[in-house]
Each structure stands twice: as structure tokens, then as C-alpha cells.
Amino acid sequence: MDTATSCPWQDKWRAQMADMAARSDTRYWNRRAADYDDFITTSRFDYGERMAEVLSAHGVLGPDTQVLEIASGVGAATLPLARHAKRVTAVEPAQAMADLLAKNAASEGVDNVQAVVEDFAAFAAATQDDSFDVAFLCHAAWQFPDVAWLMREMSRLSRDVCCLADTMGAGDAEHQEMQHRLGIDAPTLDRPLYLYNVLHGMGLPANMKPIRHVMRRSSDSARSMWTNLVSKYREPTAEDEKVIDDFVAARSKGGVYETPGVMALIWWRVQ
């Protein structure tokens, strides 16, 4: 497995993701918790529901399945996974995110989720091999510049299947143009392509399936999201706020801002 740590796919991933991970620390996600919760709950956990259905149909999830979810956030995938599994252990380092996960689980009547407020590296170091049936991470692989280490740890902790999910393609073209207007130099890698090829380099053949979805959030949540994104790079200005207000208004209908997208669901059997 160690060959992937120096493969071109891993090297490019590390170079692109190190800055992004450093800018998006736990303090950032504590600030983002409220607008992200609006995003997930307004969308009714859409992409998480679709992914859980696919994994259930492929026999990955069932009534006896013990799931480890890494970087669970407010429960976008956690609650859908829990509906198909025996238990989900949700590791989330941001306290505000974990608090909203607990709120959402209670609101949805989901009582088989255990939230662990801890950095994944610390959690993994204290956890025995083969402690879970499934290890799952959605939309947060960029938090791990050494993604080969992440994949090894997921494979170590799972006794059956590991899953990664991330946005396919370079992202929404209008969003890319918006980032350019705001002077944000964020990576535009097709992340699933890199994840799949790092896995291949590690000798871990994987399945991959596209998951089409439409994410919705209130206009206020969208404005907060863009303002917080700018704040990772510099202090937002009045001009930034005007650009953001105009962009959000143009993409909103009835106070709801919509973003169509495609997630790639990647899963592999532990060897």
C-alpha cells in the first residue's frame, strides 16, 4: 500500500489540498455550522439518502451493520446511513457541527447515532483494527492532504467495506466564475478521479457510481456561505457583499438558492 504515498496522483492531491485543509480548520467549520445546517436540512439530506440507498442495494448496509463516519458534519449522510444500519459512530471535530447533528437526529427520530467530538487522527490512534463493518467519509477527503494515510486507516478500522464520496468534476462553472470575481484561488481538482487513482495505486480496486442531486438552502444561508468562504482568504469588503448579494439573488427563487450537482460514491472491499 505504501507505494501510493509517492505516486503522482497522491503528490498532486497533497500539493492542492494542503492549503485548503489549513484554511478550513475546526474554527472555520464552527462558524459555518448554522449555514451548513440550513443547506443540509433544506435539502432534506438528499445526497445522503441517495448514497445510503445505493449502498443498501449493494449489500453494504444492513440491520446489523456498524458504521464509522468520519467528518460527519451536521448529518448529511449520517442520518440516512443510520436508517439503514444498526449504529453509526460519527466522528466530527467541530463542536457546533456535532451539536447540530444531535439536534437533527432528535428531530428525525434517529436514535442509533453516537457523536464523537474528536479529530479523526486522534480517534484512529485510540481505536482497534476491525472495529466497524463500514468506514465512510463524505465530501471531506480534502481535509487529509495525505489521503493515502486516510485510506489505510479506513481500511484498518473496517472489517468489510470503505466508502468515499465527493463532488464530481471541477464544479459548477458559475461558481468557479464567482470565485474568480472574489479573488478566491481554491483548488478545482476533479477529486473523485484522484481518489480513485490513489486507491488503484494502493492495489485497492474500487466501485464508483455517480449520484445526481439538487442541493437547496435559504438565500441567507447562501450569502453566509459565500461570505465565510471569502473570510478564509481575507476580510470581506462591502464590494464583496454586493457581489455576493447579486449572485445569490440571481440564483434564488422564492428565497431558496439551488445548486445541482453530481457526487461520486466510491467503495472498496477491505483486503
C-alpha atoms as a PDB file:
ATOM      1  CA  MET A   1       0.000   0.000   0.000  1.00  0.00           C
ATOM      2  CA  ASP A   2       2.826   2.420   0.723  1.00  0.00           C
ATOM      3  CA  THR A   3       3.587   2.891  -2.982  1.00  0.00           C
ATOM      4  CA  ALA A   4       0.660   5.348  -3.238  1.00  0.00           C
ATOM      5  CA  THR A   5       2.323   7.777  -0.846  1.00  0.00           C
ATOM      6  CA  SER A   6       4.723   8.836  -3.617  1.00  0.00           C
ATOM      7  CA  CYS A   7       2.558   8.297  -6.713  1.00  0.00           C
ATOM      8  CA  PRO A   8       1.795  11.310  -8.966  1.00  0.00           C
ATOM      9  CA  TRP A   9      -1.906  11.258  -8.060  1.00  0.00           C
ATOM     10  CA  GLN A  10      -1.159  11.444  -4.335  1.00  0.00           C
ATOM     11  CA  ASP A  11       1.574  14.065  -4.858  1.00  0.00           C
ATOM     12  CA  LYS A  12      -0.782  16.340  -6.814  1.00  0.00           C
ATOM     13  CA  TRP A  13      -3.543  15.815  -4.255  1.00  0.00           C
ATOM     14  CA  ARG A  14      -1.205  16.723  -1.387  1.00  0.00           C
ATOM     15  CA  ALA A  15       0.018  19.868  -3.158  1.00  0.00           C
ATOM     16  CA  GLN A  16      -3.528  21.062  -3.885  1.00  0.00           C
ATOM     17  CA  MET A  17      -5.201  20.119  -0.627  1.00  0.00           C
ATOM     18  CA  ALA A  18      -2.637  21.200   1.994  1.00  0.00           C
ATOM     19  CA  ASP A  19      -3.568  24.891   1.737  1.00  0.00           C
ATOM     20  CA  MET A  20      -7.304  24.159   1.551  1.00  0.00           C
ATOM     21  CA  ALA A  21      -7.157  21.972   4.664  1.00  0.00           C
ATOM     22  CA  ALA A  22      -5.141  24.584   6.572  1.00  0.00           C
ATOM     23  CA  ARG A  23      -7.651  27.347   5.752  1.00  0.00           C
ATOM     24  CA  SER A  24     -10.668  25.196   6.654  1.00  0.00           C
ATOM     25  CA  ASP A  25      -9.833  24.321  10.232  1.00  0.00           C
ATOM     26  CA  THR A  26     -12.216  23.477  13.077  1.00  0.00           C
ATOM     27  CA  ARG A  27     -12.790  27.162  13.894  1.00  0.00           C
ATOM     28  CA  TYR A  28     -13.956  27.756  10.317  1.00  0.00           C
ATOM     29  CA  TRP A  29     -16.468  24.897  10.470  1.00  0.00           C
ATOM     30  CA  ASN A  30     -17.761  26.058  13.834  1.00  0.00           C
ATOM     31  CA  ARG A  31     -18.515  29.397  12.122  1.00  0.00           C
ATOM     32  CA  ARG A  32     -20.104  27.603   9.167  1.00  0.00           C
ATOM     33  CA  ALA A  33     -22.278  25.256  11.223  1.00  0.00           C
ATOM     34  CA  ALA A  34     -25.532  27.252  11.068  1.00  0.00           C
ATOM     35  CA  ASP A  35     -25.484  27.952   7.320  1.00  0.00           C
ATOM     36  CA  TYR A  36     -24.358  24.397   6.569  1.00  0.00           C
ATOM     37  CA  ASP A  37     -27.201  23.032   8.670  1.00  0.00           C
ATOM     38  CA  ASP A  38     -29.641  25.157   6.658  1.00  0.00           C
ATOM     39  CA  PHE A  39     -28.085  23.685   3.493  1.00  0.00           C
ATOM     40  CA  ILE A  40     -28.497  20.066   4.587  1.00  0.00           C
ATOM     41  CA  THR A  41     -31.918  20.290   6.244  1.00  0.00           C
ATOM     42  CA  THR A  42     -33.478  22.387   3.463  1.00  0.00           C
ATOM     43  CA  SER A  43     -32.236  19.725   1.017  1.00  0.00           C
ATOM     44  CA  ARG A  44     -33.780  17.018   3.224  1.00  0.00           C
ATOM     45  CA  PHE A  45     -30.483  15.072   3.378  1.00  0.00           C
ATOM     46  CA  ASP A  46     -30.867  14.421  -0.353  1.00  0.00           C
ATOM     47  CA  TYR A  47     -27.485  13.131  -1.469  1.00  0.00           C
ATOM     48  CA  GLY A  48     -27.029  11.179   1.764  1.00  0.00           C
ATOM     49  CA  GLU A  49     -30.347   9.413   1.203  1.00  0.00           C
ATOM     50  CA  ARG A  50     -29.367   8.517  -2.368  1.00  0.00           C
ATOM     51  CA  MET A  51     -25.980   7.156  -1.324  1.00  0.00           C
ATOM     52  CA  ALA A  52     -27.426   5.105   1.532  1.00  0.00           C
ATOM     53  CA  GLU A  53     -29.934   3.556  -0.886  1.00  0.00           C
ATOM     54  CA  VAL A  54     -27.141   2.570  -3.310  1.00  0.00           C
ATOM     55  CA  LEU A  55     -25.019   1.044  -0.556  1.00  0.00           C
ATOM     56  CA  SER A  56     -28.007  -0.823   0.846  1.00  0.00           C
ATOM     57  CA  ALA A  57     -28.866  -2.180  -2.610  1.00  0.00           C
ATOM     58  CA  HIS A  58     -25.269  -3.462  -2.953  1.00  0.00           C
ATOM     59  CA  GLY A  59     -25.411  -5.227   0.398  1.00  0.00           C
ATOM     60  CA  VAL A  60     -23.012  -2.829   2.119  1.00  0.00           C
ATOM     61  CA  LEU A  61     -25.581  -1.665   4.683  1.00  0.00           C
ATOM     62  CA  GLY A  62     -27.979  -3.799   6.660  1.00  0.00           C
ATOM     63  CA  PRO A  63     -29.683  -4.112  10.049  1.00  0.00           C
ATOM     64  CA  ASP A  64     -26.511  -5.475  11.705  1.00  0.00           C
ATOM     65  CA  THR A  65     -24.031  -3.015  10.151  1.00  0.00           C
ATOM     66  CA  GLN A  66     -21.816  -0.936  12.436  1.00  0.00           C
ATOM     67  CA  VAL A  67     -20.729   2.216  10.564  1.00  0.00           C
ATOM     68  CA  LEU A  68     -17.887   4.613  11.274  1.00  0.00           C
ATOM     69  CA  GLU A  69     -18.440   8.002   9.655  1.00  0.00           C
ATOM     70  CA  ILE A  70     -15.503  10.415   9.500  1.00  0.00           C
ATOM     71  CA  ALA A  71     -16.170  14.191   9.457  1.00  0.00           C
ATOM     72  CA  SER A  72     -19.917  13.733   9.791  1.00  0.00           C
ATOM     73  CA  GLY A  73     -20.820  17.419   9.976  1.00  0.00           C
ATOM     74  CA  VAL A  74     -24.485  18.047  10.775  1.00  0.00           C
ATOM     75  CA  GLY A  75     -25.613  14.651   9.471  1.00  0.00           C
ATOM     76  CA  ALA A  76     -25.935  14.959   5.678  1.00  0.00           C
ATOM     77  CA  ALA A  77     -25.051  11.286   5.299  1.00  0.00           C
ATOM     78  CA  THR A  78     -25.114  10.236   8.964  1.00  0.00           C
ATOM     79  CA  LEU A  79     -28.872  10.094   9.373  1.00  0.00           C
ATOM     80  CA  PRO A  80     -29.551   8.323   6.041  1.00  0.00           C
ATOM     81  CA  LEU A  81     -26.833   5.769   6.891  1.00  0.00           C
ATOM     82  CA  ALA A  82     -28.321   5.252  10.348  1.00  0.00           C
ATOM     83  CA  ARG A  83     -31.720   4.440   8.867  1.00  0.00           C
ATOM     84  CA  HIS A  84     -30.132   1.505   7.003  1.00  0.00           C
ATOM     85  CA  ALA A  85     -27.682   0.336   9.692  1.00  0.00           C
ATOM     86  CA  LYS A  86     -27.553  -0.847  13.289  1.00  0.00           C
ATOM     87  CA  ARG A  87     -25.392   2.012  14.531  1.00  0.00           C
ATOM     88  CA  VAL A  88     -23.322   4.944  13.241  1.00  0.00           C
ATOM     89  CA  THR A  89     -20.346   6.296  15.164  1.00  0.00           C
ATOM     90  CA  ALA A  90     -19.966   9.844  13.843  1.00  0.00           C
ATOM     91  CA  VAL A  91     -16.542  11.426  14.379  1.00  0.00           C
ATOM     92  CA  GLU A  92     -16.699  15.216  13.999  1.00  0.00           C
ATOM     93  CA  PRO A  93     -14.055  17.647  15.330  1.00  0.00           C
ATOM     94  CA  ALA A  94     -16.230  20.807  15.234  1.00  0.00           C
ATOM     95  CA  GLN A  95     -18.399  21.068  18.360  1.00  0.00           C
ATOM     96  CA  ALA A  96     -21.017  23.287  16.687  1.00  0.00           C
ATOM     97  CA  MET A  97     -21.431  20.746  13.880  1.00  0.00           C
ATOM     98  CA  ALA A  98     -21.750  17.881  16.361  1.00  0.00           C
ATOM     99  CA  ASP A  99     -24.376  19.811  18.341  1.00  0.00           C
ATOM    100  CA  LEU A 100     -26.466  20.295  15.200  1.00  0.00           C
ATOM    101  CA  LEU A 101     -26.036  16.634  14.291  1.00  0.00           C
ATOM    102  CA  ALA A 102     -27.553  15.729  17.663  1.00  0.00           C
ATOM    103  CA  LYS A 103     -30.412  18.200  17.070  1.00  0.00           C
ATOM    104  CA  ASN A 104     -31.114  16.772  13.609  1.00  0.00           C
ATOM    105  CA  ALA A 105     -31.018  13.182  14.833  1.00  0.00           C
ATOM    106  CA  ALA A 106     -33.574  14.027  17.519  1.00  0.00           C
ATOM    107  CA  SER A 107     -35.781  15.908  15.032  1.00  0.00           C
ATOM    108  CA  GLU A 108     -35.692  12.968  12.606  1.00  0.00           C
ATOM    109  CA  GLY A 109     -36.313  10.367  15.304  1.00  0.00           C
ATOM    110  CA  VAL A 110     -32.937   8.699  14.715  1.00  0.00           C
ATOM    111  CA  ASP A 111     -31.573   7.221  17.953  1.00  0.00           C
ATOM    112  CA  ASN A 112     -28.723   4.981  16.742  1.00  0.00           C
ATOM    113  CA  VAL A 113     -26.057   7.669  16.176  1.00  0.00           C
ATOM    114  CA  GLN A 114     -23.169   8.243  18.579  1.00  0.00           C
ATOM    115  CA  ALA A 115     -21.363  11.539  18.031  1.00  0.00           C
ATOM    116  CA  VAL A 116     -17.668  11.691  18.975  1.00  0.00           C
ATOM    117  CA  VAL A 117     -16.237  15.225  19.035  1.00  0.00           C
ATOM    118  CA  GLU A 118     -12.632  14.488  18.142  1.00  0.00           C
ATOM    119  CA  ASP A 119     -10.041  14.829  15.415  1.00  0.00           C
ATOM    120  CA  PHE A 120     -10.021  11.673  13.297  1.00  0.00           C
ATOM    121  CA  ALA A 121      -6.275  11.083  13.719  1.00  0.00           C
ATOM    122  CA  ALA A 122      -6.674  11.004  17.499  1.00  0.00           C
ATOM    123  CA  PHE A 123      -9.755   8.788  17.252  1.00  0.00           C
ATOM    124  CA  ALA A 124      -7.999   6.368  14.901  1.00  0.00           C
ATOM    125  CA  ALA A 125      -4.908   6.152  17.107  1.00  0.00           C
ATOM    126  CA  ALA A 126      -7.071   5.021  20.028  1.00  0.00           C
ATOM    127  CA  THR A 127      -9.259   2.575  18.060  1.00  0.00           C
ATOM    128  CA  GLN A 128      -8.529  -1.095  17.404  1.00  0.00           C
ATOM    129  CA  ASP A 129      -8.379  -2.710  13.970  1.00  0.00           C
ATOM    130  CA  ASP A 130     -11.620  -4.078  12.507  1.00  0.00           C
ATOM    131  CA  SER A 131     -13.824  -2.164  14.937  1.00  0.00           C
ATOM    132  CA  PHE A 132     -16.522  -1.405  12.341  1.00  0.00           C
ATOM    133  CA  ASP A 133     -18.173  -3.086   9.369  1.00  0.00           C
ATOM    134  CA  VAL A 134     -18.081   0.046   7.193  1.00  0.00           C
ATOM    135  CA  ALA A 135     -15.882   3.163   7.245  1.00  0.00           C
ATOM    136  CA  PHE A 136     -17.455   6.115   5.414  1.00  0.00           C
ATOM    137  CA  LEU A 137     -16.341   9.651   4.582  1.00  0.00           C
ATOM    138  CA  CYS A 138     -18.376  12.104   2.520  1.00  0.00           C
ATOM    139  CA  HIS A 139     -17.217  15.363   0.967  1.00  0.00           C
ATOM    140  CA  ALA A 140     -14.303  15.814   3.364  1.00  0.00           C
ATOM    141  CA  ALA A 141     -11.345  13.917   1.882  1.00  0.00           C
ATOM    142  CA  TRP A 142      -9.747  17.309   1.180  1.00  0.00           C
ATOM    143  CA  GLN A 143      -9.199  17.590   4.952  1.00  0.00           C
ATOM    144  CA  PHE A 144      -6.496  14.926   4.527  1.00  0.00           C
ATOM    145  CA  PRO A 145      -3.588  16.033   2.291  1.00  0.00           C
ATOM    146  CA  ASP A 146      -2.060  12.596   2.907  1.00  0.00           C
ATOM    147  CA  VAL A 147      -5.080  10.842   1.516  1.00  0.00           C
ATOM    148  CA  ALA A 148      -3.247   7.507   1.250  1.00  0.00           C
ATOM    149  CA  TRP A 149      -2.914   7.561   5.054  1.00  0.00           C
ATOM    150  CA  LEU A 150      -6.658   8.175   5.314  1.00  0.00           C
ATOM    151  CA  MET A 151      -7.397   5.229   3.038  1.00  0.00           C
ATOM    152  CA  ARG A 152      -5.086   2.944   5.020  1.00  0.00           C
ATOM    153  CA  GLU A 153      -6.703   3.964   8.310  1.00  0.00           C
ATOM    154  CA  MET A 154     -10.199   3.467   6.927  1.00  0.00           C
ATOM    155  CA  SER A 155      -9.185   0.018   5.682  1.00  0.00           C
ATOM    156  CA  ARG A 156      -7.629  -0.814   9.058  1.00  0.00           C
ATOM    157  CA  LEU A 157     -10.683   0.200  11.058  1.00  0.00           C
ATOM    158  CA  SER A 158     -13.200  -1.548   8.789  1.00  0.00           C
ATOM    159  CA  ARG A 159     -13.635  -5.296   8.551  1.00  0.00           C
ATOM    160  CA  ASP A 160     -15.691  -5.188   5.360  1.00  0.00           C
ATOM    161  CA  VAL A 161     -16.175  -2.055   3.203  1.00  0.00           C
ATOM    162  CA  CYS A 162     -14.819   1.507   2.981  1.00  0.00           C
ATOM    163  CA  CYS A 163     -16.590   4.360   1.179  1.00  0.00           C
ATOM    164  CA  LEU A 164     -15.549   7.808  -0.006  1.00  0.00           C
ATOM    165  CA  ALA A 165     -17.872  10.328  -1.643  1.00  0.00           C
ATOM    166  CA  ASP A 166     -17.035  13.650  -3.258  1.00  0.00           C
ATOM    167  CA  THR A 167     -18.219  16.111  -5.900  1.00  0.00           C
ATOM    168  CA  MET A 168     -17.548  15.015  -9.475  1.00  0.00           C
ATOM    169  CA  GLY A 169     -15.965  17.360 -11.995  1.00  0.00           C
ATOM    170  CA  ALA A 170     -14.312  20.714 -11.400  1.00  0.00           C
ATOM    171  CA  GLY A 171     -17.527  22.194 -10.004  1.00  0.00           C
ATOM    172  CA  ASP A 172     -20.299  24.485 -11.174  1.00  0.00           C
ATOM    173  CA  ALA A 173     -18.981  26.842 -13.892  1.00  0.00           C
ATOM    174  CA  GLU A 174     -20.892  29.808 -12.471  1.00  0.00           C
ATOM    175  CA  HIS A 175     -19.458  29.109  -9.023  1.00  0.00           C
ATOM    176  CA  GLN A 176     -15.959  28.981 -10.487  1.00  0.00           C
ATOM    177  CA  GLU A 177     -16.519  32.365 -12.137  1.00  0.00           C
ATOM    178  CA  MET A 178     -17.865  33.720  -8.851  1.00  0.00           C
ATOM    179  CA  GLN A 179     -14.755  32.540  -7.019  1.00  0.00           C
ATOM    180  CA  HIS A 180     -12.628  34.266  -9.645  1.00  0.00           C
ATOM    181  CA  ARG A 181     -14.559  37.526  -9.190  1.00  0.00           C
ATOM    182  CA  LEU A 182     -13.995  37.333  -5.450  1.00  0.00           C
ATOM    183  CA  GLY A 183     -10.290  36.575  -5.882  1.00  0.00           C
ATOM    184  CA  ILE A 184     -10.541  33.105  -4.341  1.00  0.00           C
ATOM    185  CA  ASP A 185      -7.865  30.718  -5.568  1.00  0.00           C
ATOM    186  CA  ALA A 186      -9.498  27.448  -4.498  1.00  0.00           C
ATOM    187  CA  PRO A 187      -8.462  24.061  -5.973  1.00  0.00           C
ATOM    188  CA  THR A 188     -10.602  22.805  -8.847  1.00  0.00           C
ATOM    189  CA  LEU A 189      -9.404  19.203  -8.983  1.00  0.00           C
ATOM    190  CA  ASP A 190     -11.857  16.524 -10.045  1.00  0.00           C
ATOM    191  CA  ARG A 191     -11.410  14.977  -6.615  1.00  0.00           C
ATOM    192  CA  PRO A 192     -13.061  11.568  -7.232  1.00  0.00           C
ATOM    193  CA  LEU A 193     -10.688  10.977 -10.163  1.00  0.00           C
ATOM    194  CA  TYR A 194      -7.725  11.468  -7.846  1.00  0.00           C
ATOM    195  CA  LEU A 195      -9.243   9.392  -5.054  1.00  0.00           C
ATOM    196  CA  TYR A 196      -9.976   6.523  -7.436  1.00  0.00           C
ATOM    197  CA  ASN A 197      -6.469   6.547  -8.866  1.00  0.00           C
ATOM    198  CA  VAL A 198      -4.764   6.711  -5.468  1.00  0.00           C
ATOM    199  CA  LEU A 199      -6.815   3.667  -4.467  1.00  0.00           C
ATOM    200  CA  HIS A 200      -5.748   1.913  -7.673  1.00  0.00           C
ATOM    201  CA  GLY A 201      -2.101   2.708  -6.881  1.00  0.00           C
ATOM    202  CA  MET A 202      -2.570   1.113  -3.466  1.00  0.00           C
ATOM    203  CA  GLY A 203      -3.916  -2.078  -5.028  1.00  0.00           C
ATOM    204  CA  LEU A 204      -7.471  -1.392  -3.827  1.00  0.00           C
ATOM    205  CA  PRO A 205      -9.911  -1.943  -6.714  1.00  0.00           C
ATOM    206  CA  ALA A 206     -12.960   0.224  -6.171  1.00  0.00           C
ATOM    207  CA  ASN A 207     -16.511   0.645  -7.407  1.00  0.00           C
ATOM    208  CA  MET A 208     -17.693   4.124  -8.406  1.00  0.00           C
ATOM    209  CA  LYS A 209     -21.219   5.358  -9.060  1.00  0.00           C
ATOM    210  CA  PRO A 210     -22.452   8.901  -9.856  1.00  0.00           C
ATOM    211  CA  ILE A 211     -25.163  10.309  -7.582  1.00  0.00           C
ATOM    212  CA  ARG A 212     -27.132  13.185  -9.126  1.00  0.00           C
ATOM    213  CA  HIS A 213     -28.771  15.591  -6.710  1.00  0.00           C
ATOM    214  CA  VAL A 214     -30.006  19.147  -6.197  1.00  0.00           C
ATOM    215  CA  MET A 215     -28.920  20.878  -3.005  1.00  0.00           C
ATOM    216  CA  ARG A 216     -31.071  23.683  -1.616  1.00  0.00           C
ATOM    217  CA  ARG A 217     -30.509  26.325   1.025  1.00  0.00           C
ATOM    218  CA  SER A 218     -32.098  29.601   2.023  1.00  0.00           C
ATOM    219  CA  SER A 219     -30.779  32.755   0.379  1.00  0.00           C
ATOM    220  CA  ASP A 220     -29.481  33.905   3.781  1.00  0.00           C
ATOM    221  CA  SER A 221     -27.567  30.644   4.147  1.00  0.00           C
ATOM    222  CA  ALA A 222     -26.058  31.070   0.681  1.00  0.00           C
ATOM    223  CA  ARG A 223     -24.892  34.592   1.485  1.00  0.00           C
ATOM    224  CA  SER A 224     -23.343  33.372   4.723  1.00  0.00           C
ATOM    225  CA  MET A 225     -21.597  30.533   2.883  1.00  0.00           C
ATOM    226  CA  TRP A 226     -20.010  32.888   0.342  1.00  0.00           C
ATOM    227  CA  THR A 227     -19.014  35.445   2.984  1.00  0.00           C
ATOM    228  CA  ASN A 228     -17.378  32.770   5.122  1.00  0.00           C
ATOM    229  CA  LEU A 229     -15.587  31.412   2.072  1.00  0.00           C
ATOM    230  CA  VAL A 230     -14.059  34.832   1.386  1.00  0.00           C
ATOM    231  CA  SER A 231     -13.069  35.114   5.046  1.00  0.00           C
ATOM    232  CA  LYS A 232     -10.743  32.125   4.630  1.00  0.00           C
ATOM    233  CA  TYR A 233      -8.573  34.298   2.364  1.00  0.00           C
ATOM    234  CA  ARG A 234      -9.139  37.879   3.550  1.00  0.00           C
ATOM    235  CA  GLU A 235     -11.574  40.202   5.318  1.00  0.00           C
ATOM    236  CA  PRO A 236     -14.773  40.551   3.211  1.00  0.00           C
ATOM    237  CA  THR A 237     -15.441  44.075   1.930  1.00  0.00           C
ATOM    238  CA  ALA A 238     -18.638  45.982   1.172  1.00  0.00           C
ATOM    239  CA  GLU A 239     -17.937  45.377  -2.520  1.00  0.00           C
ATOM    240  CA  ASP A 240     -17.689  41.625  -1.857  1.00  0.00           C
ATOM    241  CA  GLU A 241     -21.051  41.732  -0.085  1.00  0.00           C
ATOM    242  CA  LYS A 242     -22.642  43.463  -3.086  1.00  0.00           C
ATOM    243  CA  VAL A 243     -21.220  40.870  -5.492  1.00  0.00           C
ATOM    244  CA  ILE A 244     -22.447  38.062  -3.238  1.00  0.00           C
ATOM    245  CA  ASP A 245     -25.933  39.584  -2.804  1.00  0.00           C
ATOM    246  CA  ASP A 246     -26.363  39.969  -6.569  1.00  0.00           C
ATOM    247  CA  PHE A 247     -25.139  36.454  -7.308  1.00  0.00           C
ATOM    248  CA  VAL A 248     -27.347  34.831  -4.670  1.00  0.00           C
ATOM    249  CA  ALA A 249     -30.412  36.821  -5.780  1.00  0.00           C
ATOM    250  CA  ALA A 250     -29.886  35.745  -9.393  1.00  0.00           C
ATOM    251  CA  ARG A 251     -29.761  32.057  -8.414  1.00  0.00           C
ATOM    252  CA  SER A 252     -32.583  32.090  -5.868  1.00  0.00           C
ATOM    253  CA  LYS A 253     -36.291  31.519  -6.334  1.00  0.00           C
ATOM    254  CA  GLY A 254     -38.809  32.101  -3.560  1.00  0.00           C
ATOM    255  CA  GLY A 255     -35.977  32.644  -1.097  1.00  0.00           C
ATOM    256  CA  VAL A 256     -34.330  29.298  -1.941  1.00  0.00           C
ATOM    257  CA  TYR A 257     -30.909  29.027  -3.578  1.00  0.00           C
ATOM    258  CA  GLU A 258     -30.390  25.841  -5.616  1.00  0.00           C
ATOM    259  CA  THR A 259     -27.210  24.093  -6.740  1.00  0.00           C
ATOM    260  CA  PRO A 260     -27.446  20.996  -8.963  1.00  0.00           C
ATOM    261  CA  GLY A 261     -24.545  18.613  -8.730  1.00  0.00           C
ATOM    262  CA  VAL A 262     -23.178  15.107  -9.067  1.00  0.00           C
ATOM    263  CA  MET A 263     -21.446  13.195  -6.295  1.00  0.00           C
ATOM    264  CA  ALA A 264     -19.230  10.195  -6.930  1.00  0.00           C
ATOM    265  CA  LEU A 265     -19.718   7.345  -4.478  1.00  0.00           C
ATOM    266  CA  ILE A 266     -16.572   5.178  -4.304  1.00  0.00           C
ATOM    267  CA  TRP A 267     -16.381   1.979  -2.267  1.00  0.00           C
ATOM    268  CA  TRP A 268     -13.958  -0.897  -1.905  1.00  0.00           C
ATOM    269  CA  ARG A 269     -13.723  -4.181  -0.022  1.00  0.00           C
ATOM    270  CA  VAL A 270     -11.110  -4.432   2.682  1.00  0.00           C
ATOM    271  CA  GLN A 271      -8.396  -6.929   1.731  1.00  0.00           C
END
